[in-house]
Amino acid sequence: MVKGHTYAELSDKRVFDALDAARIWDLKRHGWRVHATGGSQHVIGDTTYWWHGEERGGNPAHPFVIVQFTLSGWGCFEQEGTCHRIGAGNGFIALVPSDHIYYLPEASPDWRFIWLDVWHPYAVARLTALSDQIGPRLTVAPESAVMQRMIDILERLAFGRYPDDYVLEEEVLGFSVALERHMMQHRYPTAERDAWLQEIRDLTLARLADPPSVEELARHYRQSRTQFSHLFKRATGLAPAEFVDSVRLSSGAGLLESGTGKLEVIARATGYRSATQFCKAFRKVYALTPGAYRAYYGRHEPA
């Protein structure tokens, strides 16, 4: 693969403008699946520039996601009554179609950015879930790995440097996961997040058959339920009850893998009232029944 441009080189107008060809390169004429398109744009003093998420096409049954990174200047992104200022080092995620608007306000002289339209269904689902969890506004440093990933995809699209659509698909999926990791680490610093999770995991495992409620965890930290839940979610991105359940189910999965105990026994050991309740919770998370999970992952002794 030809070595691509870096963020610093986008200050060259010729390099920046060349990336806009990514949105007009006709993947379909190659018989390829369209996993992503994109481009570059510099809006200068044009207050008529605006896009509404329900007026720019898109099929509700097969939506796509816009991921935008701002290089300089600024614009506004509005969703659910909140206006987010998107300047250098920021960006946004927008599902199309959906009720949102982004535009160049009168107070802004210009807005210079790059973007990807992501069409791959799995990537769309991951990016939509990320936006639902952290909100639409992104924080992306100019020299970050995720910025470079977008630049690489745009350049290879613009100059037809993908050997086939499988490589494009791989890079689109990689970009989506990298952006999710980037934002989760930015929003939830690793050291603080890991400390919270380990403490709650230890408290849960210490009494797995009778797991602590959120109220009990809050009392342990000498906080109200509301205060504890807020602090835990702010640090980890998870609800306390959701994490406790994941610890219980992970322990149940371990018991299924390592033994032949009855489901009723495993359910009681992990704090569920019955095998039925355990099976319902397990299948929701693992997409398998406990029996199917054990048959597939169980460590069977050789005959």
C-alpha atoms as a PDB file:
ATOM      1  CA  MET A   1       0.000   0.000   0.000  1.00  0.00           C
ATOM      2  CA  VAL A   2       1.375   3.460  -0.945  1.00  0.00           C
ATOM      3  CA  LYS A   3       2.387   5.582   2.038  1.00  0.00           C
ATOM      4  CA  GLY A   4      -0.404   8.055   2.772  1.00  0.00           C
ATOM      5  CA  HIS A   5      -0.498  11.666   3.847  1.00  0.00           C
ATOM      6  CA  THR A   6      -0.393  12.814   7.455  1.00  0.00           C
ATOM      7  CA  TYR A   7      -2.517  15.363   9.306  1.00  0.00           C
ATOM      8  CA  ALA A   8       0.229  17.976   8.986  1.00  0.00           C
ATOM      9  CA  GLU A   9       0.214  17.641   5.191  1.00  0.00           C
ATOM     10  CA  LEU A  10      -3.489  18.566   5.058  1.00  0.00           C
ATOM     11  CA  SER A  11      -2.417  22.194   5.495  1.00  0.00           C
ATOM     12  CA  ASP A  12      -1.442  21.972   1.811  1.00  0.00           C
ATOM     13  CA  LYS A  13      -4.622  22.959  -0.042  1.00  0.00           C
ATOM     14  CA  ARG A  14      -3.841  20.628  -2.912  1.00  0.00           C
ATOM     15  CA  VAL A  15      -3.560  17.633  -0.595  1.00  0.00           C
ATOM     16  CA  PHE A  16      -6.706  18.632   1.310  1.00  0.00           C
ATOM     17  CA  ASP A  17      -8.768  19.215  -1.847  1.00  0.00           C
ATOM     18  CA  ALA A  18      -7.611  15.935  -3.374  1.00  0.00           C
ATOM     19  CA  LEU A  19      -9.276  13.969  -0.551  1.00  0.00           C
ATOM     20  CA  ASP A  20     -12.665  15.226  -1.691  1.00  0.00           C
ATOM     21  CA  ALA A  21     -12.456  12.782  -4.595  1.00  0.00           C
ATOM     22  CA  ALA A  22     -13.295  10.070  -2.058  1.00  0.00           C
ATOM     23  CA  ARG A  23     -16.959  10.970  -2.329  1.00  0.00           C
ATOM     24  CA  ILE A  24     -17.174  10.708  -6.099  1.00  0.00           C
ATOM     25  CA  TRP A  25     -15.129   7.559  -6.701  1.00  0.00           C
ATOM     26  CA  ASP A  26     -17.682   5.101  -8.023  1.00  0.00           C
ATOM     27  CA  LEU A  27     -17.203   1.891  -6.049  1.00  0.00           C
ATOM     28  CA  LYS A  28     -20.190   0.336  -7.745  1.00  0.00           C
ATOM     29  CA  ARG A  29     -18.597   0.443 -11.163  1.00  0.00           C
ATOM     30  CA  HIS A  30     -16.095  -2.049  -9.782  1.00  0.00           C
ATOM     31  CA  GLY A  31     -18.955  -4.217  -8.541  1.00  0.00           C
ATOM     32  CA  TRP A  32     -17.883  -3.469  -4.959  1.00  0.00           C
ATOM     33  CA  ARG A  33     -20.051  -3.128  -1.882  1.00  0.00           C
ATOM     34  CA  VAL A  34     -20.097   0.480  -0.674  1.00  0.00           C
ATOM     35  CA  HIS A  35     -18.743   0.300   2.874  1.00  0.00           C
ATOM     36  CA  ALA A  36     -17.796   3.977   3.069  1.00  0.00           C
ATOM     37  CA  THR A  37     -17.458   7.195   1.116  1.00  0.00           C
ATOM     38  CA  GLY A  38     -16.297  10.575   2.351  1.00  0.00           C
ATOM     39  CA  GLY A  39     -14.436  13.725   1.515  1.00  0.00           C
ATOM     40  CA  SER A  40     -12.994  17.079   2.547  1.00  0.00           C
ATOM     41  CA  GLN A  41     -14.650  20.491   2.603  1.00  0.00           C
ATOM     42  CA  HIS A  42     -13.842  24.091   3.523  1.00  0.00           C
ATOM     43  CA  VAL A  43     -16.939  26.246   4.048  1.00  0.00           C
ATOM     44  CA  ILE A  44     -16.090  29.967   4.090  1.00  0.00           C
ATOM     45  CA  GLY A  45     -18.664  32.574   5.121  1.00  0.00           C
ATOM     46  CA  ASP A  46     -21.574  30.610   3.660  1.00  0.00           C
ATOM     47  CA  THR A  47     -24.359  30.845   6.240  1.00  0.00           C
ATOM     48  CA  THR A  48     -26.641  28.951   3.841  1.00  0.00           C
ATOM     49  CA  TYR A  49     -24.531  25.865   4.529  1.00  0.00           C
ATOM     50  CA  TRP A  50     -26.627  23.482   6.631  1.00  0.00           C
ATOM     51  CA  TRP A  51     -27.729  19.876   6.544  1.00  0.00           C
ATOM     52  CA  HIS A  52     -30.759  18.331   8.182  1.00  0.00           C
ATOM     53  CA  GLY A  53     -30.476  14.654   9.016  1.00  0.00           C
ATOM     54  CA  GLU A  54     -33.997  13.865   7.815  1.00  0.00           C
ATOM     55  CA  GLU A  55     -33.654  15.718   4.511  1.00  0.00           C
ATOM     56  CA  ARG A  56     -30.520  14.224   2.991  1.00  0.00           C
ATOM     57  CA  GLY A  57     -31.727  10.793   1.970  1.00  0.00           C
ATOM     58  CA  GLY A  58     -31.023   7.597   3.809  1.00  0.00           C
ATOM     59  CA  ASN A  59     -33.241   4.611   4.420  1.00  0.00           C
ATOM     60  CA  PRO A  60     -34.493   4.125   8.001  1.00  0.00           C
ATOM     61  CA  ALA A  61     -34.197   0.373   7.505  1.00  0.00           C
ATOM     62  CA  HIS A  62     -30.578   0.726   6.315  1.00  0.00           C
ATOM     63  CA  PRO A  63     -29.180   3.946   7.810  1.00  0.00           C
ATOM     64  CA  PHE A  64     -25.645   5.252   7.480  1.00  0.00           C
ATOM     65  CA  VAL A  65     -23.462   7.243   9.865  1.00  0.00           C
ATOM     66  CA  ILE A  66     -21.514  10.435   9.232  1.00  0.00           C
ATOM     67  CA  VAL A  67     -18.276  10.789  11.195  1.00  0.00           C
ATOM     68  CA  GLN A  68     -16.810  14.284  10.879  1.00  0.00           C
ATOM     69  CA  PHE A  69     -13.469  15.613  12.151  1.00  0.00           C
ATOM     70  CA  THR A  70     -12.922  19.383  12.186  1.00  0.00           C
ATOM     71  CA  LEU A  71      -9.460  20.623  11.198  1.00  0.00           C
ATOM     72  CA  SER A  72      -9.927  24.378  11.664  1.00  0.00           C
ATOM     73  CA  GLY A  73     -12.682  26.966  12.136  1.00  0.00           C
ATOM     74  CA  TRP A  74     -15.900  25.802  13.704  1.00  0.00           C
ATOM     75  CA  GLY A  75     -19.537  24.969  13.109  1.00  0.00           C
ATOM     76  CA  CYS A  76     -22.588  23.858  15.073  1.00  0.00           C
ATOM     77  CA  PHE A  77     -24.192  20.464  15.470  1.00  0.00           C
ATOM     78  CA  GLU A  78     -27.680  20.418  17.005  1.00  0.00           C
ATOM     79  CA  GLN A  79     -29.510  17.379  18.330  1.00  0.00           C
ATOM     80  CA  GLU A  80     -32.257  16.961  20.927  1.00  0.00           C
ATOM     81  CA  GLY A  81     -32.291  20.671  21.698  1.00  0.00           C
ATOM     82  CA  THR A  82     -28.553  20.926  22.401  1.00  0.00           C
ATOM     83  CA  CYS A  83     -26.171  22.913  20.210  1.00  0.00           C
ATOM     84  CA  HIS A  84     -22.617  21.548  20.202  1.00  0.00           C
ATOM     85  CA  ARG A  85     -19.804  23.796  19.019  1.00  0.00           C
ATOM     86  CA  ILE A  86     -17.554  21.678  16.786  1.00  0.00           C
ATOM     87  CA  GLY A  87     -14.101  23.230  16.473  1.00  0.00           C
ATOM     88  CA  ALA A  88     -10.557  22.065  15.785  1.00  0.00           C
ATOM     89  CA  GLY A  89      -9.915  18.877  17.721  1.00  0.00           C
ATOM     90  CA  ASN A  90     -13.619  18.026  17.740  1.00  0.00           C
ATOM     91  CA  GLY A  91     -16.006  16.173  15.510  1.00  0.00           C
ATOM     92  CA  PHE A  92     -19.402  14.526  15.550  1.00  0.00           C
ATOM     93  CA  ILE A  93     -21.283  11.311  14.836  1.00  0.00           C
ATOM     94  CA  ALA A  94     -24.646  11.606  13.087  1.00  0.00           C
ATOM     95  CA  LEU A  95     -27.069   8.844  12.085  1.00  0.00           C
ATOM     96  CA  VAL A  96     -28.889   9.397   8.772  1.00  0.00           C
ATOM     97  CA  PRO A  97     -31.803   9.654   8.737  1.00  0.00           C
ATOM     98  CA  SER A  98     -32.334  11.208  12.191  1.00  0.00           C
ATOM     99  CA  ASP A  99     -33.390  14.545  13.665  1.00  0.00           C
ATOM    100  CA  HIS A 100     -30.202  16.620  13.721  1.00  0.00           C
ATOM    101  CA  ILE A 101     -28.784  19.698  11.992  1.00  0.00           C
ATOM    102  CA  TYR A 102     -25.251  20.874  11.395  1.00  0.00           C
ATOM    103  CA  TYR A 103     -24.403  24.259   9.911  1.00  0.00           C
ATOM    104  CA  LEU A 104     -22.037  27.227   9.690  1.00  0.00           C
ATOM    105  CA  PRO A 105     -23.342  29.932  12.067  1.00  0.00           C
ATOM    106  CA  GLU A 106     -22.997  33.649  11.320  1.00  0.00           C
ATOM    107  CA  ALA A 107     -20.392  34.026  14.071  1.00  0.00           C
ATOM    108  CA  SER A 108     -18.033  31.552  12.396  1.00  0.00           C
ATOM    109  CA  PRO A 109     -15.846  32.758   9.508  1.00  0.00           C
ATOM    110  CA  ASP A 110     -15.156  29.249   8.211  1.00  0.00           C
ATOM    111  CA  TRP A 111     -15.316  25.519   8.889  1.00  0.00           C
ATOM    112  CA  ARG A 112     -12.727  23.106   7.475  1.00  0.00           C
ATOM    113  CA  PHE A 113     -13.232  19.380   7.948  1.00  0.00           C
ATOM    114  CA  ILE A 114     -12.984  15.835   6.653  1.00  0.00           C
ATOM    115  CA  TRP A 115     -15.651  13.163   6.964  1.00  0.00           C
ATOM    116  CA  LEU A 116     -16.613   9.562   6.326  1.00  0.00           C
ATOM    117  CA  ASP A 117     -20.068   8.283   5.444  1.00  0.00           C
ATOM    118  CA  VAL A 118     -20.055   4.786   6.944  1.00  0.00           C
ATOM    119  CA  TRP A 119     -22.489   2.313   5.383  1.00  0.00           C
ATOM    120  CA  HIS A 120     -21.327  -1.038   6.733  1.00  0.00           C
ATOM    121  CA  PRO A 121     -24.236  -2.325   8.925  1.00  0.00           C
ATOM    122  CA  TYR A 122     -22.051  -3.576  11.773  1.00  0.00           C
ATOM    123  CA  ALA A 123     -19.966  -0.392  11.850  1.00  0.00           C
ATOM    124  CA  VAL A 124     -23.179   1.678  11.776  1.00  0.00           C
ATOM    125  CA  ALA A 125     -24.507  -0.244  14.781  1.00  0.00           C
ATOM    126  CA  ARG A 126     -21.248   0.209  16.745  1.00  0.00           C
ATOM    127  CA  LEU A 127     -20.999   3.924  15.991  1.00  0.00           C
ATOM    128  CA  THR A 128     -24.668   4.533  16.781  1.00  0.00           C
ATOM    129  CA  ALA A 129     -24.276   2.761  20.123  1.00  0.00           C
ATOM    130  CA  LEU A 130     -21.201   4.895  20.853  1.00  0.00           C
ATOM    131  CA  SER A 131     -23.133   8.091  20.138  1.00  0.00           C
ATOM    132  CA  ASP A 132     -26.016   6.914  22.315  1.00  0.00           C
ATOM    133  CA  GLN A 133     -23.581   6.315  25.187  1.00  0.00           C
ATOM    134  CA  ILE A 134     -21.353   9.394  25.061  1.00  0.00           C
ATOM    135  CA  GLY A 135     -23.326  11.840  22.908  1.00  0.00           C
ATOM    136  CA  PRO A 136     -22.626  13.005  19.346  1.00  0.00           C
ATOM    137  CA  ARG A 137     -19.634  15.288  20.046  1.00  0.00           C
ATOM    138  CA  LEU A 138     -16.183  13.785  19.536  1.00  0.00           C
ATOM    139  CA  THR A 139     -12.761  14.804  20.813  1.00  0.00           C
ATOM    140  CA  VAL A 140     -10.033  13.866  18.338  1.00  0.00           C
ATOM    141  CA  ALA A 141      -6.485  15.205  18.582  1.00  0.00           C
ATOM    142  CA  PRO A 142      -4.853  16.139  15.245  1.00  0.00           C
ATOM    143  CA  GLU A 143      -2.016  13.638  15.623  1.00  0.00           C
ATOM    144  CA  SER A 144      -4.174  10.805  17.006  1.00  0.00           C
ATOM    145  CA  ALA A 145      -4.190   7.348  15.456  1.00  0.00           C
ATOM    146  CA  VAL A 146      -7.916   7.542  14.736  1.00  0.00           C
ATOM    147  CA  MET A 147      -7.444  10.807  12.781  1.00  0.00           C
ATOM    148  CA  GLN A 148      -4.760   9.105  10.707  1.00  0.00           C
ATOM    149  CA  ARG A 149      -7.047   6.135  10.058  1.00  0.00           C
ATOM    150  CA  MET A 150      -9.691   8.415   8.538  1.00  0.00           C
ATOM    151  CA  ILE A 151      -7.113  10.235   6.413  1.00  0.00           C
ATOM    152  CA  ASP A 152      -5.781   6.911   5.134  1.00  0.00           C
ATOM    153  CA  ILE A 153      -9.245   5.661   4.163  1.00  0.00           C
ATOM    154  CA  LEU A 154     -10.117   8.908   2.386  1.00  0.00           C
ATOM    155  CA  GLU A 155      -6.851   8.978   0.464  1.00  0.00           C
ATOM    156  CA  ARG A 156      -7.129   5.365  -0.659  1.00  0.00           C
ATOM    157  CA  LEU A 157     -10.710   5.957  -1.755  1.00  0.00           C
ATOM    158  CA  ALA A 158      -9.805   9.206  -3.528  1.00  0.00           C
ATOM    159  CA  PHE A 159      -6.954   7.662  -5.513  1.00  0.00           C
ATOM    160  CA  GLY A 160      -8.404   4.190  -6.028  1.00  0.00           C
ATOM    161  CA  ARG A 161      -5.712   2.476  -3.953  1.00  0.00           C
ATOM    162  CA  TYR A 162      -7.844  -0.308  -2.510  1.00  0.00           C
ATOM    163  CA  PRO A 163      -7.066  -3.648  -4.182  1.00  0.00           C
ATOM    164  CA  ASP A 164     -10.534  -4.974  -3.338  1.00  0.00           C
ATOM    165  CA  ASP A 165     -13.550  -4.239  -1.164  1.00  0.00           C
ATOM    166  CA  TYR A 166     -12.407  -6.649   1.547  1.00  0.00           C
ATOM    167  CA  VAL A 167      -9.488  -4.379   2.426  1.00  0.00           C
ATOM    168  CA  LEU A 168     -11.849  -1.407   2.487  1.00  0.00           C
ATOM    169  CA  GLU A 169     -14.261  -3.312   4.728  1.00  0.00           C
ATOM    170  CA  GLU A 170     -11.439  -4.289   7.079  1.00  0.00           C
ATOM    171  CA  GLU A 171     -10.288  -0.674   7.397  1.00  0.00           C
ATOM    172  CA  VAL A 172     -13.808   0.706   7.918  1.00  0.00           C
ATOM    173  CA  LEU A 173     -14.440  -1.803  10.711  1.00  0.00           C
ATOM    174  CA  GLY A 174     -11.011  -1.078  12.184  1.00  0.00           C
ATOM    175  CA  PHE A 175     -11.704   2.650  12.116  1.00  0.00           C
ATOM    176  CA  SER A 176     -15.056   2.198  13.877  1.00  0.00           C
ATOM    177  CA  VAL A 177     -13.551   0.115  16.676  1.00  0.00           C
ATOM    178  CA  ALA A 178     -10.562   2.472  16.987  1.00  0.00           C
ATOM    179  CA  LEU A 179     -12.868   5.478  17.327  1.00  0.00           C
ATOM    180  CA  GLU A 180     -14.908   3.694  19.985  1.00  0.00           C
ATOM    181  CA  ARG A 181     -11.747   2.803  21.929  1.00  0.00           C
ATOM    182  CA  HIS A 182     -10.399   6.361  21.544  1.00  0.00           C
ATOM    183  CA  MET A 183     -13.562   7.977  22.875  1.00  0.00           C
ATOM    184  CA  MET A 184     -14.062   5.493  25.705  1.00  0.00           C
ATOM    185  CA  GLN A 185     -10.487   6.033  26.908  1.00  0.00           C
ATOM    186  CA  HIS A 186     -10.911   9.789  26.598  1.00  0.00           C
ATOM    187  CA  ARG A 187     -14.245   9.830  28.429  1.00  0.00           C
ATOM    188  CA  TYR A 188     -13.354   7.147  30.992  1.00  0.00           C
ATOM    189  CA  PRO A 189      -9.647   7.288  31.973  1.00  0.00           C
ATOM    190  CA  THR A 190      -8.326   3.740  32.179  1.00  0.00           C
ATOM    191  CA  ALA A 191      -6.817   3.820  35.678  1.00  0.00           C
ATOM    192  CA  GLU A 192      -9.936   5.229  37.350  1.00  0.00           C
ATOM    193  CA  ARG A 193     -12.258   2.981  35.356  1.00  0.00           C
ATOM    194  CA  ASP A 194     -10.270  -0.164  36.112  1.00  0.00           C
ATOM    195  CA  ALA A 195     -10.115   0.655  39.826  1.00  0.00           C
ATOM    196  CA  TRP A 196     -13.894   1.055  40.048  1.00  0.00           C
ATOM    197  CA  LEU A 197     -14.571  -2.125  38.090  1.00  0.00           C
ATOM    198  CA  GLN A 198     -12.134  -4.208  40.103  1.00  0.00           C
ATOM    199  CA  GLU A 199     -13.595  -3.051  43.424  1.00  0.00           C
ATOM    200  CA  ILE A 200     -17.169  -3.811  42.401  1.00  0.00           C
ATOM    201  CA  ARG A 201     -16.099  -7.112  40.854  1.00  0.00           C
ATOM    202  CA  ASP A 202     -14.417  -8.134  44.114  1.00  0.00           C
ATOM    203  CA  LEU A 203     -17.445  -7.112  46.204  1.00  0.00           C
ATOM    204  CA  THR A 204     -19.739  -9.106  43.911  1.00  0.00           C
ATOM    205  CA  LEU A 205     -17.580 -12.228  43.828  1.00  0.00           C
ATOM    206  CA  ALA A 206     -17.245 -12.186  47.622  1.00  0.00           C
ATOM    207  CA  ARG A 207     -20.962 -12.906  47.905  1.00  0.00           C
ATOM    208  CA  LEU A 208     -21.864 -14.245  44.481  1.00  0.00           C
ATOM    209  CA  ALA A 209     -24.795 -16.366  45.680  1.00  0.00           C
ATOM    210  CA  ASP A 210     -26.344 -13.270  47.246  1.00  0.00           C
ATOM    211  CA  PRO A 211     -24.935 -10.405  45.136  1.00  0.00           C
ATOM    212  CA  PRO A 212     -24.986  -6.862  46.509  1.00  0.00           C
ATOM    213  CA  SER A 213     -27.752  -4.542  45.375  1.00  0.00           C
ATOM    214  CA  VAL A 214     -27.016  -1.032  44.146  1.00  0.00           C
ATOM    215  CA  GLU A 215     -28.263   0.296  47.483  1.00  0.00           C
ATOM    216  CA  GLU A 216     -25.812  -1.940  49.360  1.00  0.00           C
ATOM    217  CA  LEU A 217     -22.929  -0.872  47.136  1.00  0.00           C
ATOM    218  CA  ALA A 218     -23.854   2.762  47.703  1.00  0.00           C
ATOM    219  CA  ARG A 219     -23.834   2.229  51.476  1.00  0.00           C
ATOM    220  CA  HIS A 220     -20.412   0.581  51.196  1.00  0.00           C
ATOM    221  CA  TYR A 221     -19.112   3.820  49.676  1.00  0.00           C
ATOM    222  CA  ARG A 222     -21.190   5.921  52.113  1.00  0.00           C
ATOM    223  CA  GLN A 223     -23.166   7.517  49.310  1.00  0.00           C
ATOM    224  CA  SER A 224     -26.780   7.714  48.264  1.00  0.00           C
ATOM    225  CA  ARG A 225     -27.916   5.337  45.511  1.00  0.00           C
ATOM    226  CA  THR A 226     -28.263   8.272  43.105  1.00  0.00           C
ATOM    227  CA  GLN A 227     -24.842   9.709  43.895  1.00  0.00           C
ATOM    228  CA  PHE A 228     -23.100   6.326  43.681  1.00  0.00           C
ATOM    229  CA  SER A 229     -24.798   5.402  40.398  1.00  0.00           C
ATOM    230  CA  HIS A 230     -23.856   8.763  38.899  1.00  0.00           C
ATOM    231  CA  LEU A 231     -20.196   8.542  39.962  1.00  0.00           C
ATOM    232  CA  PHE A 232     -19.843   4.922  38.814  1.00  0.00           C
ATOM    233  CA  LYS A 233     -21.350   5.608  35.395  1.00  0.00           C
ATOM    234  CA  ARG A 234     -19.323   8.784  34.949  1.00  0.00           C
ATOM    235  CA  ALA A 235     -16.131   6.829  35.621  1.00  0.00           C
ATOM    236  CA  THR A 236     -16.950   3.632  33.723  1.00  0.00           C
ATOM    237  CA  GLY A 237     -19.763   4.296  31.277  1.00  0.00           C
ATOM    238  CA  LEU A 238     -21.783   1.491  32.878  1.00  0.00           C
ATOM    239  CA  ALA A 239     -24.719   1.318  35.238  1.00  0.00           C
ATOM    240  CA  PRO A 240     -23.794  -0.446  38.511  1.00  0.00           C
ATOM    241  CA  ALA A 241     -26.538  -3.073  38.212  1.00  0.00           C
ATOM    242  CA  GLU A 242     -25.489  -3.788  34.624  1.00  0.00           C
ATOM    243  CA  PHE A 243     -21.897  -4.437  35.698  1.00  0.00           C
ATOM    244  CA  VAL A 244     -22.858  -6.614  38.677  1.00  0.00           C
ATOM    245  CA  ASP A 245     -25.010  -8.721  36.346  1.00  0.00           C
ATOM    246  CA  SER A 246     -22.088  -9.083  33.917  1.00  0.00           C
ATOM    247  CA  VAL A 247     -19.869 -10.368  36.751  1.00  0.00           C
ATOM    248  CA  ARG A 248     -22.519 -12.907  37.779  1.00  0.00           C
ATOM    249  CA  LEU A 249     -23.037 -14.132  34.225  1.00  0.00           C
ATOM    250  CA  SER A 250     -19.302 -14.339  33.574  1.00  0.00           C
ATOM    251  CA  SER A 251     -18.986 -16.515  36.681  1.00  0.00           C
ATOM    252  CA  GLY A 252     -21.879 -18.649  35.448  1.00  0.00           C
ATOM    253  CA  ALA A 253     -20.152 -19.044  32.085  1.00  0.00           C
ATOM    254  CA  GLY A 254     -17.031 -20.224  33.888  1.00  0.00           C
ATOM    255  CA  LEU A 255     -19.019 -22.839  35.798  1.00  0.00           C
ATOM    256  CA  LEU A 256     -20.610 -24.042  32.559  1.00  0.00           C
ATOM    257  CA  GLU A 257     -17.190 -24.403  30.942  1.00  0.00           C
ATOM    258  CA  SER A 258     -15.511 -26.214  33.805  1.00  0.00           C
ATOM    259  CA  GLY A 259     -18.139 -28.670  35.037  1.00  0.00           C
ATOM    260  CA  THR A 260     -21.332 -30.594  34.548  1.00  0.00           C
ATOM    261  CA  GLY A 261     -23.332 -29.074  37.408  1.00  0.00           C
ATOM    262  CA  LYS A 262     -27.063 -28.715  36.978  1.00  0.00           C
ATOM    263  CA  LEU A 263     -28.363 -25.358  35.777  1.00  0.00           C
ATOM    264  CA  GLU A 264     -30.396 -24.956  38.964  1.00  0.00           C
ATOM    265  CA  VAL A 265     -27.202 -25.264  41.028  1.00  0.00           C
ATOM    266  CA  ILE A 266     -25.312 -22.799  38.821  1.00  0.00           C
ATOM    267  CA  ALA A 267     -28.236 -20.374  38.946  1.00  0.00           C
ATOM    268  CA  ARG A 268     -28.296 -20.436  42.753  1.00  0.00           C
ATOM    269  CA  ALA A 269     -24.506 -20.107  42.915  1.00  0.00           C
ATOM    270  CA  THR A 270     -24.640 -16.905  40.874  1.00  0.00           C
ATOM    271  CA  GLY A 271     -27.562 -15.334  42.707  1.00  0.00           C
ATOM    272  CA  TYR A 272     -30.479 -16.179  40.414  1.00  0.00           C
ATOM    273  CA  ARG A 273     -33.751 -17.408  41.856  1.00  0.00           C
ATOM    274  CA  SER A 274     -34.163 -20.202  39.324  1.00  0.00           C
ATOM    275  CA  ALA A 275     -32.633 -21.884  36.311  1.00  0.00           C
ATOM    276  CA  THR A 276     -35.265 -20.171  34.165  1.00  0.00           C
ATOM    277  CA  GLN A 277     -34.209 -16.712  35.335  1.00  0.00           C
ATOM    278  CA  PHE A 278     -30.528 -17.571  34.809  1.00  0.00           C
ATOM    279  CA  CYS A 279     -31.185 -18.969  31.313  1.00  0.00           C
ATOM    280  CA  LYS A 280     -33.089 -15.846  30.266  1.00  0.00           C
ATOM    281  CA  ALA A 281     -30.349 -13.489  31.486  1.00  0.00           C
ATOM    282  CA  PHE A 282     -27.565 -15.664  30.044  1.00  0.00           C
ATOM    283  CA  ARG A 283     -29.092 -15.919  26.601  1.00  0.00           C
ATOM    284  CA  LYS A 284     -29.660 -12.160  26.432  1.00  0.00           C
ATOM    285  CA  VAL A 285     -25.934 -11.512  26.887  1.00  0.00           C
ATOM    286  CA  TYR A 286     -24.277 -14.528  25.261  1.00  0.00           C
ATOM    287  CA  ALA A 287     -26.845 -15.181  22.500  1.00  0.00           C
ATOM    288  CA  LEU A 288     -26.717 -18.882  23.440  1.00  0.00           C
ATOM    289  CA  THR A 289     -28.617 -21.015  25.903  1.00  0.00           C
ATOM    290  CA  PRO A 290     -26.480 -22.224  28.833  1.00  0.00           C
ATOM    291  CA  GLY A 291     -26.732 -25.766  27.446  1.00  0.00           C
ATOM    292  CA  ALA A 292     -25.501 -24.708  24.005  1.00  0.00           C
ATOM    293  CA  TYR A 293     -22.731 -22.661  25.583  1.00  0.00           C
ATOM    294  CA  ARG A 294     -21.563 -25.609  27.657  1.00  0.00           C
ATOM    295  CA  ALA A 295     -21.671 -27.971  24.657  1.00  0.00           C
ATOM    296  CA  TYR A 296     -19.516 -25.577  22.625  1.00  0.00           C
ATOM    297  CA  TYR A 297     -17.104 -24.209  25.231  1.00  0.00           C
ATOM    298  CA  GLY A 298     -17.095 -26.886  27.893  1.00  0.00           C
ATOM    299  CA  ARG A 299     -13.753 -28.443  28.753  1.00  0.00           C
ATOM    300  CA  HIS A 300     -14.586 -32.120  28.361  1.00  0.00           C
ATOM    301  CA  GLU A 301     -12.342 -34.741  29.855  1.00  0.00           C
ATOM    302  CA  PRO A 302     -10.900 -37.175  27.277  1.00  0.00           C
ATOM    303  CA  ALA A 303     -12.449 -40.649  27.295  1.00  0.00           C
END
